[in-house]
Amino acid sequence: MKTTLLLLILLAGVSGCHRRQYVLDPLETREIIALSRAGKSSDGIIREIERSRTVYVMDSQDVLDLHRAGVDRRVIDHMMMTVERAAGRDAWRLRRRP
């Protein structure tokens, strides 16, 4: 009986573990600028953006500010695409329909 109860407790604990989703803090724009100024590669910054799952909603002024701060164009492009990636693979089709 004790073995069965222990087994049920362990199974209940294990079954919940795989469902937990660990959410990282968002990678803020100021952090991207700091990483860029510190000499981190564009690929490294892009990996950090993907790992953090941050979605950036940027306007033209945000893009100019990042560019003026020395952030690589590939990083800026990747940041702009996070909205479409979050919306799904077919988001671009929905947005461009007349």
Protein backbone atom coordinates (compact mmCIF):
# COMPACT_ATOMS: atom_id res chain seq x y z
CA MET A 1 0.00 0.00 0.00
CA LYS A 2 2.80 2.41 0.90
CA THR A 3 4.58 1.55 -2.34
CA THR A 4 1.45 2.26 -4.38
CA LEU A 5 0.87 5.57 -2.62
CA LEU A 6 4.49 6.60 -3.12
CA LEU A 7 4.30 5.63 -6.79
CA LEU A 8 1.14 7.70 -7.28
CA ILE A 9 2.74 10.72 -5.62
CA LEU A 10 5.83 10.41 -7.80
CA LEU A 11 3.77 10.05 -10.97
CA ALA A 12 1.66 13.07 -10.06
CA GLY A 13 4.80 15.13 -9.51
CA VAL A 14 6.47 13.97 -12.71
CA SER A 15 3.40 14.46 -14.90
CA GLY A 16 3.28 18.15 -14.03
CA CYS A 17 6.97 18.78 -14.71
CA HIS A 18 6.85 18.51 -18.47
CA ARG A 19 4.04 21.05 -18.69
CA ARG A 20 5.86 23.87 -16.98
CA GLN A 21 6.98 26.58 -19.30
CA TYR A 22 9.86 28.66 -18.06
CA VAL A 23 9.54 32.23 -19.23
CA LEU A 24 12.63 34.39 -19.41
CA ASP A 25 12.65 38.10 -18.85
CA PRO A 26 12.19 40.03 -22.09
CA LEU A 27 15.34 41.31 -23.73
CA GLU A 28 14.87 45.06 -23.74
CA THR A 29 16.04 47.36 -26.50
CA ARG A 30 18.55 49.03 -24.18
CA GLU A 31 20.06 45.61 -23.47
CA ILE A 32 20.43 44.93 -27.19
CA ILE A 33 22.22 48.25 -27.60
CA ALA A 34 24.50 47.39 -24.67
CA LEU A 35 25.28 43.94 -26.13
CA SER A 36 26.06 45.51 -29.48
CA ARG A 37 28.35 48.14 -27.95
CA ALA A 38 30.06 45.44 -25.89
CA GLY A 39 31.06 43.73 -29.14
CA LYS A 40 28.71 40.74 -29.06
CA SER A 41 28.22 39.34 -32.55
CA SER A 42 24.98 39.86 -34.45
CA ASP A 43 24.39 36.10 -34.46
CA GLY A 44 24.89 36.04 -30.68
CA ILE A 45 22.41 38.86 -30.14
CA ILE A 46 19.88 37.17 -32.42
CA ARG A 47 20.27 33.94 -30.42
CA GLU A 48 19.60 35.91 -27.23
CA ILE A 49 16.45 37.42 -28.77
CA GLU A 50 15.19 33.99 -29.83
CA ARG A 51 16.01 32.46 -26.46
CA SER A 52 14.13 35.21 -24.62
CA ARG A 53 11.12 34.93 -26.97
CA THR A 54 10.74 38.70 -26.85
CA VAL A 55 8.36 40.26 -29.37
CA TYR A 56 9.24 43.79 -30.49
CA VAL A 57 6.60 46.19 -31.80
CA MET A 58 8.70 48.95 -33.29
CA ASP A 59 7.99 52.11 -35.22
CA SER A 60 10.34 53.96 -37.55
CA GLN A 61 11.81 56.03 -34.69
CA ASP A 62 12.75 52.84 -32.81
CA VAL A 63 14.53 51.52 -35.89
CA LEU A 64 16.41 54.82 -36.33
CA ASP A 65 17.41 54.86 -32.65
CA LEU A 66 18.78 51.31 -32.88
CA HIS A 67 20.65 52.13 -36.10
CA ARG A 68 22.15 55.30 -34.62
CA ALA A 69 23.20 53.32 -31.54
CA GLY A 70 25.24 51.03 -33.80
CA VAL A 71 23.03 47.92 -33.75
CA ASP A 72 23.62 45.79 -36.85
CA ARG A 73 20.92 45.82 -39.52
CA ARG A 74 20.49 42.03 -39.30
CA VAL A 75 19.62 42.35 -35.61
CA ILE A 76 17.15 45.16 -36.32
CA ASP A 77 15.54 43.14 -39.13
CA HIS A 78 15.25 40.13 -36.81
CA MET A 79 13.63 42.29 -34.14
CA MET A 80 11.08 43.62 -36.64
CA MET A 81 10.18 40.07 -37.70
CA THR A 82 9.39 38.91 -34.14
CA VAL A 83 5.80 40.15 -34.43
CA GLU A 84 5.14 38.07 -37.53
CA ARG A 85 6.86 35.05 -36.05
CA ALA A 86 4.72 35.34 -32.93
CA ALA A 87 1.56 35.65 -35.03
CA GLY A 88 2.40 32.56 -37.04
CA ARG A 89 4.00 31.54 -40.29
CA ASP A 90 1.17 32.82 -42.50
CA ALA A 91 0.86 36.25 -40.90
CA TRP A 92 2.57 37.96 -43.84
CA ARG A 93 -0.11 36.68 -46.20
CA LEU A 94 -2.88 38.11 -44.06
CA ARG A 95 -1.18 41.48 -43.74
CA ARG A 96 -0.49 41.98 -47.44
CA ARG A 97 -3.88 41.09 -48.85
CA PRO A 98 -5.67 44.01 -50.55
